[in-house]
Amino acid sequence: MEEYKRDFIEFMVESQVLKFGSFTLKSGRQSPFFMNAGAYVTGDQLHRLGLAYARAIHDTFGLDFDVVFGPAYKGIPLSVVTVMGLQELYGKEARYCSNRKEAKDHGEGGNLLGASLHDGDKVVMVEDVTTSGKSIDETYPILTAAADVQVMGLMVSLNRMEVGKGGAKAAIDEVSDKYGFPTASIVNMAEVTEYLHNRECRGRIVIDDAMKAAIDEYYARYGAKA
């Protein structure tokens, strides 16, 4: 596993973005883990988050793109910190763009903020986590209506590796099948579980044998096919 992935796993735990215990998800499932990207709130956390996205995008999709697009609302700061990370690490000048939940009816108007989109732009999309693909379903038509753009890929921070709406593949893979662009994550839950199992992280073990068993049981019920 790449060093930046190991660092990112510890970073999620340290920032209390990734927690382990017993959580009721929006879907009604009882999950032994929960991720909340809204817990990244400090300057240092956001800086590190942008660097992690930048490294993962560089390693997965390369740097041949023009725009980083983040669906509202959580995707807005993600797109901003990612373009900053790309510039810092690779000298890559990308533009950021996001959608508005409600179209602006004054000033410049429209339903986009940040950079304008132009025909021929190559776009990388960023999200915190894809659980149903709903935000992509909402924003992909906005992207393609604004200009004749090419989506190079979608990068999320964590692939939960659970079945999506189709009941077989993970939601992130369903997005790829539906829209025809590649999808990837900085880390996935298999990597998280393998790395943290009985490993001390910031002075404590967050996945002991009992928690590992709970995670294995959860994926026996809800895990997506590879």
Protein backbone atom coordinates (compact mmCIF):
# COMPACT_ATOMS: atom_id res chain seq x y z
CA MET A 1 0.00 0.00 0.00
CA GLU A 2 1.32 3.45 -0.93
CA GLU A 3 2.51 5.63 1.93
CA TYR A 4 -0.02 8.37 1.17
CA LYS A 5 -2.81 5.81 1.56
CA ARG A 6 -1.52 4.71 4.97
CA ASP A 7 -1.22 8.35 5.99
CA PHE A 8 -4.74 9.06 4.76
CA ILE A 9 -6.24 6.20 6.76
CA GLU A 10 -4.60 7.47 9.94
CA PHE A 11 -5.65 11.01 9.01
CA MET A 12 -9.32 9.98 8.76
CA VAL A 13 -9.20 8.37 12.19
CA GLU A 14 -7.26 11.25 13.74
CA SER A 15 -9.75 13.78 12.35
CA GLN A 16 -12.69 11.69 13.60
CA VAL A 17 -13.98 11.52 10.05
CA LEU A 18 -13.95 7.71 10.17
CA LYS A 19 -15.39 6.18 13.33
CA PHE A 20 -15.99 2.62 14.46
CA GLY A 21 -18.81 1.38 16.65
CA SER A 22 -22.50 0.93 15.83
CA PHE A 23 -24.22 3.42 13.54
CA THR A 24 -27.63 3.58 11.87
CA LEU A 25 -27.14 4.73 8.28
CA LYS A 26 -29.62 6.70 6.19
CA SER A 27 -30.39 3.45 4.40
CA GLY A 28 -31.45 1.91 7.72
CA ARG A 29 -28.49 -0.46 7.81
CA GLN A 30 -26.62 -0.95 11.08
CA SER A 31 -22.99 -0.30 10.22
CA PRO A 32 -19.87 -0.90 12.35
CA PHE A 33 -18.25 2.19 10.82
CA PHE A 34 -19.29 5.67 9.77
CA MET A 35 -17.65 8.34 7.68
CA ASN A 36 -18.42 12.05 7.92
CA ALA A 37 -16.27 14.22 5.65
CA GLY A 38 -17.87 17.29 7.21
CA ALA A 39 -15.54 16.77 10.18
CA TYR A 40 -12.63 18.20 8.17
CA VAL A 41 -12.85 21.74 9.48
CA THR A 42 -9.39 23.16 10.23
CA GLY A 43 -6.90 24.71 7.86
CA ASP A 44 -4.41 21.90 8.39
CA GLN A 45 -7.04 19.21 7.84
CA LEU A 46 -8.28 20.80 4.61
CA HIS A 47 -4.71 21.29 3.40
CA ARG A 48 -3.90 17.61 3.99
CA LEU A 49 -7.17 16.56 2.39
CA GLY A 50 -6.37 18.50 -0.76
CA LEU A 51 -2.92 16.94 -0.99
CA ALA A 52 -4.39 13.43 -0.63
CA TYR A 53 -6.90 14.03 -3.42
CA ALA A 54 -4.19 15.54 -5.61
CA ARG A 55 -1.89 12.51 -5.15
CA ALA A 56 -4.68 10.04 -5.83
CA ILE A 57 -5.83 11.91 -8.95
CA HIS A 58 -2.25 12.16 -10.23
CA ASP A 59 -1.61 8.45 -9.67
CA THR A 60 -4.96 7.32 -11.12
CA PHE A 61 -5.97 9.76 -13.85
CA GLY A 62 -2.77 11.69 -14.54
CA LEU A 63 -2.69 15.45 -15.01
CA ASP A 64 -4.22 15.86 -18.48
CA PHE A 65 -7.35 17.73 -17.42
CA ASP A 66 -8.52 21.30 -17.02
CA VAL A 67 -11.19 21.44 -14.32
CA VAL A 68 -11.89 19.82 -10.95
CA PHE A 69 -15.65 19.70 -10.37
CA GLY A 70 -17.24 19.12 -6.96
CA PRO A 71 -21.01 18.57 -6.60
CA ALA A 72 -22.66 20.83 -4.03
CA TYR A 73 -22.42 21.01 -1.15
CA LYS A 74 -19.52 18.97 0.22
CA GLY A 75 -17.89 18.85 -3.19
CA ILE A 76 -17.41 22.62 -3.22
CA PRO A 77 -14.56 22.77 -0.65
CA LEU A 78 -13.22 19.47 -2.00
CA SER A 79 -12.78 20.94 -5.48
CA VAL A 80 -11.10 24.04 -4.04
CA VAL A 81 -8.58 22.22 -1.83
CA THR A 82 -7.86 19.70 -4.60
CA VAL A 83 -6.83 22.34 -7.15
CA MET A 84 -4.64 23.90 -4.45
CA GLY A 85 -3.05 20.51 -3.76
CA LEU A 86 -2.45 19.91 -7.47
CA GLN A 87 -0.67 23.24 -7.77
CA GLU A 88 1.44 22.67 -4.65
CA LEU A 89 2.54 19.13 -5.49
CA TYR A 90 2.77 19.16 -9.28
CA GLY A 91 2.61 22.79 -10.42
CA LYS A 92 -0.66 21.86 -12.12
CA GLU A 93 -2.96 24.84 -12.70
CA ALA A 94 -6.48 23.44 -12.79
CA ARG A 95 -9.68 25.43 -12.39
CA TYR A 96 -12.35 24.58 -9.87
CA CYS A 97 -16.05 24.47 -10.61
CA SER A 98 -19.13 23.47 -8.61
CA ASN A 99 -22.86 23.61 -9.03
CA ARG A 100 -25.36 25.64 -7.07
CA LYS A 101 -28.32 23.86 -5.52
CA GLU A 102 -30.46 26.80 -6.60
CA ALA A 103 -29.71 28.76 -9.78
CA LYS A 104 -28.61 32.35 -9.16
CA ASP A 105 -31.05 34.83 -10.69
CA HIS A 106 -28.91 37.99 -10.36
CA GLY A 107 -25.37 39.08 -11.13
CA GLU A 108 -23.72 36.59 -13.46
CA GLY A 109 -26.63 34.19 -12.87
CA GLY A 110 -26.56 30.52 -13.69
CA ASN A 111 -26.23 27.33 -11.67
CA LEU A 112 -22.43 27.06 -11.58
CA LEU A 113 -19.85 28.78 -9.40
CA GLY A 114 -16.12 29.03 -9.86
CA ALA A 115 -14.69 28.60 -13.34
CA SER A 116 -16.83 28.63 -16.47
CA LEU A 117 -16.91 25.44 -18.51
CA HIS A 118 -15.87 25.48 -22.17
CA ASP A 119 -16.24 23.04 -25.03
CA GLY A 120 -13.35 20.59 -24.95
CA ASP A 121 -12.62 20.96 -21.23
CA LYS A 122 -11.45 17.77 -19.52
CA VAL A 123 -13.02 17.42 -16.09
CA VAL A 124 -12.21 15.34 -13.00
CA MET A 125 -15.06 15.07 -10.50
CA VAL A 126 -14.48 14.80 -6.74
CA GLU A 127 -16.82 13.59 -3.99
CA ASP A 128 -16.42 12.55 -0.38
CA VAL A 129 -18.12 9.17 -0.74
CA THR A 130 -20.58 7.72 -3.25
CA THR A 131 -23.39 5.79 -1.59
CA SER A 132 -26.16 5.96 -4.19
CA GLY A 133 -24.83 7.98 -7.13
CA LYS A 134 -27.60 10.54 -6.61
CA SER A 135 -25.32 13.60 -6.66
CA ILE A 136 -23.69 12.43 -9.89
CA ASP A 137 -27.12 11.81 -11.43
CA GLU A 138 -28.00 15.41 -10.52
CA THR A 139 -24.78 17.10 -11.59
CA TYR A 140 -23.65 15.16 -14.66
CA PRO A 141 -26.50 16.64 -16.77
CA ILE A 142 -25.51 20.11 -15.53
CA LEU A 143 -21.92 19.54 -16.66
CA THR A 144 -22.88 18.30 -20.10
CA ALA A 145 -25.49 21.03 -20.57
CA ALA A 146 -22.99 23.79 -19.71
CA ALA A 147 -20.44 22.76 -22.37
CA ASP A 148 -19.21 19.84 -24.43
CA VAL A 149 -16.87 18.54 -21.71
CA GLN A 150 -15.16 15.20 -21.25
CA VAL A 151 -15.28 13.68 -17.76
CA MET A 152 -11.95 11.96 -17.16
CA GLY A 153 -13.00 10.29 -13.93
CA LEU A 154 -14.51 10.52 -10.46
CA MET A 155 -12.36 10.41 -7.32
CA VAL A 156 -13.87 9.80 -3.89
CA SER A 157 -12.04 9.65 -0.57
CA LEU A 158 -13.44 6.30 0.63
CA ASN A 159 -15.04 3.44 -1.28
CA ARG A 160 -17.36 1.81 1.25
CA MET A 161 -17.52 -1.26 -1.04
CA GLU A 162 -21.22 -1.81 -0.33
CA VAL A 163 -23.86 -2.74 -2.85
CA GLY A 164 -25.51 0.19 -4.61
CA LYS A 165 -29.04 0.54 -5.91
CA GLY A 166 -28.59 -2.39 -8.29
CA GLY A 167 -27.94 -4.76 -5.41
CA ALA A 168 -24.69 -6.24 -6.75
CA LYS A 169 -21.95 -3.73 -7.56
CA ALA A 170 -20.69 -0.89 -5.39
CA ALA A 171 -22.29 2.49 -6.05
CA ILE A 172 -19.01 3.87 -7.37
CA ASP A 173 -18.88 1.07 -9.96
CA GLU A 174 -22.53 1.63 -10.89
CA VAL A 175 -21.65 5.25 -11.68
CA SER A 176 -18.83 4.11 -13.95
CA ASP A 177 -21.09 1.64 -15.76
CA LYS A 178 -23.86 4.20 -16.22
CA TYR A 179 -21.79 7.15 -17.45
CA GLY A 180 -18.78 5.48 -19.01
CA PHE A 181 -15.98 7.22 -17.12
CA PRO A 182 -13.59 5.60 -14.62
CA THR A 183 -14.12 5.90 -10.88
CA ALA A 184 -11.61 5.49 -8.07
CA SER A 185 -11.03 6.17 -4.38
CA ILE A 186 -8.10 7.33 -2.30
CA VAL A 187 -8.65 4.22 -0.17
CA ASN A 188 -11.29 1.52 0.16
CA MET A 189 -12.62 -0.23 3.24
CA ALA A 190 -10.66 -3.41 2.56
CA GLU A 191 -7.44 -1.37 2.71
CA VAL A 192 -8.64 0.47 5.82
CA THR A 193 -9.55 -2.76 7.61
CA GLU A 194 -6.32 -4.53 6.67
CA TYR A 195 -4.16 -1.60 7.74
CA LEU A 196 -5.90 -0.81 11.04
CA HIS A 197 -6.58 -4.35 12.28
CA ASN A 198 -4.81 -4.64 15.65
CA ARG A 199 -2.59 -1.68 14.73
CA GLU A 200 -2.23 1.16 17.18
CA CYS A 201 -3.35 4.42 15.57
CA ARG A 202 -2.80 7.64 17.46
CA GLY A 203 -2.41 5.76 20.71
CA ARG A 204 -5.30 3.30 20.41
CA ILE A 205 -6.49 0.31 18.44
CA VAL A 206 -9.71 1.12 16.59
CA ILE A 207 -10.14 -2.24 14.81
CA ASP A 208 -9.53 -5.05 17.27
CA ASP A 209 -10.57 -8.66 16.65
CA ALA A 210 -14.16 -8.00 17.73
CA MET A 211 -14.52 -4.99 15.45
CA LYS A 212 -12.88 -6.91 12.60
CA ALA A 213 -15.48 -9.65 13.05
CA ALA A 214 -18.29 -7.08 12.98
CA ILE A 215 -16.92 -5.56 9.77
CA ASP A 216 -16.57 -9.00 8.17
CA GLU A 217 -20.17 -9.82 9.13
CA TYR A 218 -21.39 -6.53 7.68
CA TYR A 219 -19.70 -7.19 4.35
CA ALA A 220 -21.01 -10.73 4.25
CA ARG A 221 -24.48 -9.11 4.12
CA TYR A 222 -23.89 -5.90 2.19
CA GLY A 223 -20.54 -6.24 0.44
CA ALA A 224 -20.39 -5.54 -3.28
CA LYS A 225 -19.04 -7.96 -5.82
CA ALA A 226 -15.59 -7.06 -7.15
